[in-house]
């Protein structure tokens, strides 16, 4: 389902403060998957938490406007069990 047009974009305030203070960080850790990717984030490494582990992504130009949670999968792919030979 798409986000309502009347709602404002969700931005992480910690991220904005780090950019203003010019703090050098290897990767920014994000727990909130609803954060929207903006032009200021281009080229940054983000560690996104999906509830189990962190996924590291590097923000590219194609990701602008999408939420961060779209790039960290939360579900495992199903694995079929092998049949036992009798």
N, C-alpha and C. Protein backbone atom coordinates (compact mmCIF):
# COMPACT_ATOMS: atom_id res chain seq x y z
N UNK A 1 0.84 -1.17 0.00
CA UNK A 1 0.00 0.00 0.00
C UNK A 1 0.89 1.24 0.00
N UNK A 2 0.55 2.24 -0.77
CA UNK A 2 1.34 3.46 -0.88
C UNK A 2 1.11 4.37 0.32
N UNK A 3 2.07 5.20 0.57
CA UNK A 3 1.97 6.16 1.68
C UNK A 3 1.03 7.28 1.28
N UNK A 4 0.22 7.76 2.22
CA UNK A 4 -0.72 8.84 1.93
C UNK A 4 0.03 10.12 1.56
N UNK A 5 -0.51 10.86 0.61
CA UNK A 5 0.18 12.05 0.12
C UNK A 5 0.16 13.19 1.14
N UNK A 6 -0.77 13.19 2.08
CA UNK A 6 -0.84 14.28 3.04
C UNK A 6 0.14 14.12 4.19
N UNK A 7 0.71 12.93 4.35
CA UNK A 7 1.67 12.72 5.43
C UNK A 7 3.04 13.26 5.04
N UNK A 8 3.76 13.86 5.97
CA UNK A 8 5.11 14.35 5.64
C UNK A 8 6.10 13.20 5.55
N UNK A 9 7.26 13.46 4.93
CA UNK A 9 8.30 12.45 4.84
C UNK A 9 8.90 12.21 6.22
N UNK A 10 9.25 10.98 6.51
CA UNK A 10 9.86 10.66 7.79
C UNK A 10 11.37 10.68 7.62
N UNK A 11 12.05 11.56 8.35
CA UNK A 11 13.50 11.64 8.31
C UNK A 11 14.06 11.37 9.70
N UNK A 12 15.19 10.70 9.74
CA UNK A 12 15.84 10.39 11.00
C UNK A 12 16.60 11.62 11.48
N UNK A 13 16.28 12.16 12.65
CA UNK A 13 16.93 13.38 13.15
C UNK A 13 18.38 13.13 13.52
N UNK A 14 18.71 11.93 14.00
CA UNK A 14 20.10 11.61 14.35
C UNK A 14 20.99 11.71 13.11
N UNK A 15 20.48 11.26 11.97
CA UNK A 15 21.24 11.32 10.73
C UNK A 15 21.56 12.77 10.36
N UNK A 16 20.58 13.66 10.49
CA UNK A 16 20.77 15.07 10.13
C UNK A 16 21.80 15.72 11.05
N UNK A 17 21.76 15.39 12.35
CA UNK A 17 22.72 15.95 13.29
C UNK A 17 24.14 15.48 13.00
N UNK A 18 24.30 14.22 12.60
CA UNK A 18 25.63 13.71 12.27
C UNK A 18 26.19 14.42 11.05
N UNK A 19 25.34 14.72 10.07
CA UNK A 19 25.80 15.40 8.86
C UNK A 19 26.18 16.85 9.16
N UNK A 20 25.47 17.52 10.07
CA UNK A 20 25.77 18.90 10.41
C UNK A 20 27.06 19.01 11.21
N UNK A 21 27.33 18.04 12.07
CA UNK A 21 28.53 18.06 12.90
C UNK A 21 29.74 17.45 12.19
N UNK A 22 29.56 16.96 10.97
CA UNK A 22 30.62 16.36 10.15
C UNK A 22 31.32 15.21 10.89
N UNK A 23 30.55 14.39 11.57
CA UNK A 23 31.12 13.24 12.25
C UNK A 23 31.45 12.16 11.23
N UNK A 24 32.67 11.63 11.31
CA UNK A 24 33.09 10.56 10.41
C UNK A 24 32.70 9.22 11.03
N UNK A 25 31.78 8.53 10.39
CA UNK A 25 31.30 7.25 10.88
C UNK A 25 31.39 6.26 9.73
N UNK A 26 31.83 5.01 10.04
CA UNK A 26 31.91 3.98 9.00
C UNK A 26 30.55 3.74 8.37
N UNK A 27 29.59 3.40 9.20
CA UNK A 27 28.24 3.14 8.72
C UNK A 27 27.25 3.67 9.75
N UNK A 28 26.18 4.27 9.27
CA UNK A 28 25.15 4.79 10.15
C UNK A 28 24.17 3.66 10.45
N UNK A 29 23.92 3.44 11.73
CA UNK A 29 23.03 2.36 12.15
C UNK A 29 21.61 2.90 12.24
N UNK A 30 20.69 2.27 11.53
CA UNK A 30 19.29 2.68 11.54
C UNK A 30 18.43 1.52 12.02
N UNK A 31 17.61 1.79 13.02
CA UNK A 31 16.66 0.80 13.49
C UNK A 31 15.28 1.05 12.89
N UNK A 32 15.01 2.28 12.45
CA UNK A 32 13.70 2.62 11.92
C UNK A 32 13.70 2.43 10.41
N UNK A 33 12.89 1.51 9.93
CA UNK A 33 12.86 1.18 8.51
C UNK A 33 12.00 2.14 7.71
N UNK A 34 11.30 3.06 8.38
CA UNK A 34 10.42 3.99 7.69
C UNK A 34 11.14 5.25 7.21
N UNK A 35 12.41 5.39 7.52
CA UNK A 35 13.17 6.56 7.11
C UNK A 35 13.25 6.64 5.60
N UNK A 36 12.97 7.81 5.04
CA UNK A 36 13.01 8.03 3.59
C UNK A 36 14.43 8.42 3.18
N UNK A 37 14.91 7.88 2.07
CA UNK A 37 16.24 8.20 1.56
C UNK A 37 16.18 9.50 0.78
N UNK A 38 17.06 10.44 1.12
CA UNK A 38 17.12 11.75 0.47
C UNK A 38 18.42 11.90 -0.30
N UNK A 39 18.56 13.02 -1.00
CA UNK A 39 19.77 13.27 -1.79
C UNK A 39 21.00 13.45 -0.92
N UNK A 40 20.81 13.87 0.33
CA UNK A 40 21.93 14.07 1.24
C UNK A 40 22.60 12.75 1.63
N UNK A 41 21.91 11.65 1.45
CA UNK A 41 22.42 10.34 1.86
C UNK A 41 23.21 9.64 0.77
N UNK A 42 23.37 10.22 -0.40
CA UNK A 42 24.06 9.56 -1.51
C UNK A 42 25.47 9.15 -1.12
N UNK A 43 25.82 7.90 -1.40
CA UNK A 43 27.16 7.41 -1.15
C UNK A 43 27.43 6.95 0.27
N UNK A 44 26.47 7.08 1.17
CA UNK A 44 26.67 6.68 2.56
C UNK A 44 26.43 5.19 2.73
N UNK A 45 27.08 4.62 3.75
CA UNK A 45 26.83 3.23 4.12
C UNK A 45 25.83 3.24 5.27
N UNK A 46 24.78 2.47 5.12
CA UNK A 46 23.76 2.37 6.14
C UNK A 46 23.64 0.93 6.62
N UNK A 47 23.59 0.75 7.94
CA UNK A 47 23.31 -0.56 8.52
C UNK A 47 21.86 -0.55 8.95
N UNK A 48 21.04 -1.39 8.31
CA UNK A 48 19.60 -1.41 8.56
C UNK A 48 19.27 -2.67 9.34
N UNK A 49 18.56 -2.50 10.44
CA UNK A 49 18.19 -3.62 11.30
C UNK A 49 16.82 -4.14 10.88
N UNK A 50 16.72 -5.45 10.64
CA UNK A 50 15.44 -6.02 10.21
C UNK A 50 14.76 -6.82 11.30
N UNK A 51 15.27 -6.77 12.52
CA UNK A 51 14.70 -7.51 13.63
C UNK A 51 15.54 -8.69 14.04
N UNK A 52 16.43 -9.14 13.16
CA UNK A 52 17.30 -10.26 13.47
C UNK A 52 18.77 -9.86 13.33
N UNK A 53 19.11 -9.26 12.19
CA UNK A 53 20.49 -8.85 11.96
C UNK A 53 20.52 -7.56 11.12
N UNK A 54 21.72 -7.03 10.96
CA UNK A 54 21.90 -5.79 10.20
C UNK A 54 22.27 -6.10 8.75
N UNK A 55 21.71 -5.32 7.81
CA UNK A 55 22.07 -5.40 6.41
C UNK A 55 22.76 -4.11 6.04
N UNK A 56 23.92 -4.21 5.40
CA UNK A 56 24.64 -3.00 5.02
C UNK A 56 24.37 -2.69 3.55
N UNK A 57 23.98 -1.44 3.28
CA UNK A 57 23.76 -0.99 1.90
C UNK A 57 24.53 0.30 1.69
N UNK A 58 24.87 0.55 0.44
CA UNK A 58 25.45 1.82 0.04
C UNK A 58 24.39 2.52 -0.80
N UNK A 59 24.03 3.74 -0.41
CA UNK A 59 22.94 4.46 -1.05
C UNK A 59 23.37 4.92 -2.44
N UNK A 60 22.56 4.58 -3.45
CA UNK A 60 22.82 5.01 -4.81
C UNK A 60 21.72 5.95 -5.28
N UNK A 61 21.87 6.47 -6.46
CA UNK A 61 20.94 7.47 -7.00
C UNK A 61 19.55 6.88 -7.23
N UNK A 62 19.46 5.59 -7.52
CA UNK A 62 18.17 4.95 -7.78
C UNK A 62 17.32 4.78 -6.53
N UNK A 63 17.93 4.86 -5.36
CA UNK A 63 17.22 4.62 -4.10
C UNK A 63 16.51 5.85 -3.55
N UNK A 64 16.75 7.02 -4.11
CA UNK A 64 16.19 8.27 -3.58
C UNK A 64 14.67 8.22 -3.64
N UNK A 65 14.02 8.58 -2.53
CA UNK A 65 12.56 8.60 -2.46
C UNK A 65 11.95 7.32 -1.90
N UNK A 66 12.74 6.27 -1.79
CA UNK A 66 12.25 5.01 -1.23
C UNK A 66 12.54 4.97 0.26
N UNK A 67 11.85 4.10 0.97
CA UNK A 67 12.13 3.95 2.40
C UNK A 67 13.30 2.98 2.57
N UNK A 68 13.98 3.12 3.69
CA UNK A 68 15.17 2.31 3.95
C UNK A 68 14.81 0.83 4.11
N UNK A 69 13.63 0.56 4.64
CA UNK A 69 13.21 -0.81 4.90
C UNK A 69 13.01 -1.66 3.66
N UNK A 70 12.90 -1.03 2.51
CA UNK A 70 12.72 -1.80 1.27
C UNK A 70 13.97 -2.57 0.88
N UNK A 71 15.11 -2.20 1.44
CA UNK A 71 16.38 -2.78 1.03
C UNK A 71 16.95 -3.76 2.05
N UNK A 72 16.17 -4.11 3.07
CA UNK A 72 16.59 -5.14 4.01
C UNK A 72 15.47 -6.16 4.14
N UNK A 73 15.66 -7.35 3.58
CA UNK A 73 14.60 -8.36 3.61
C UNK A 73 14.32 -8.85 5.02
N UNK A 74 13.05 -9.12 5.31
CA UNK A 74 12.66 -9.57 6.64
C UNK A 74 12.22 -11.02 6.65
N UNK A 75 12.06 -11.61 5.50
CA UNK A 75 11.57 -13.00 5.44
C UNK A 75 12.60 -13.89 4.76
N UNK A 76 12.64 -15.13 5.19
CA UNK A 76 13.54 -16.10 4.59
C UNK A 76 12.87 -16.77 3.40
N UNK A 77 13.66 -17.19 2.45
CA UNK A 77 13.12 -17.93 1.32
C UNK A 77 12.82 -19.35 1.78
N UNK A 78 11.70 -19.92 1.35
CA UNK A 78 11.37 -21.28 1.78
C UNK A 78 12.32 -22.31 1.17
N UNK A 79 12.70 -23.29 1.97
CA UNK A 79 13.60 -24.36 1.51
C UNK A 79 12.82 -25.66 1.57
N UNK A 80 12.80 -26.37 0.45
CA UNK A 80 12.10 -27.64 0.41
C UNK A 80 12.95 -28.74 1.04
N UNK A 81 12.30 -29.60 1.79
CA UNK A 81 13.01 -30.69 2.41
C UNK A 81 13.27 -31.78 1.39
N UNK A 82 14.44 -32.41 1.50
CA UNK A 82 14.77 -33.51 0.59
C UNK A 82 14.08 -34.78 1.06
N UNK A 83 13.64 -35.59 0.10
CA UNK A 83 12.99 -36.85 0.42
C UNK A 83 14.03 -37.86 0.87
N UNK A 84 13.68 -38.64 1.89
CA UNK A 84 14.58 -39.69 2.37
C UNK A 84 14.42 -40.93 1.49
N UNK A 85 15.54 -41.56 1.21
CA UNK A 85 15.53 -42.80 0.44
C UNK A 85 15.34 -43.96 1.41
N UNK A 86 14.33 -44.80 1.16
CA UNK A 86 14.06 -45.93 2.05
C UNK A 86 14.88 -47.13 1.70
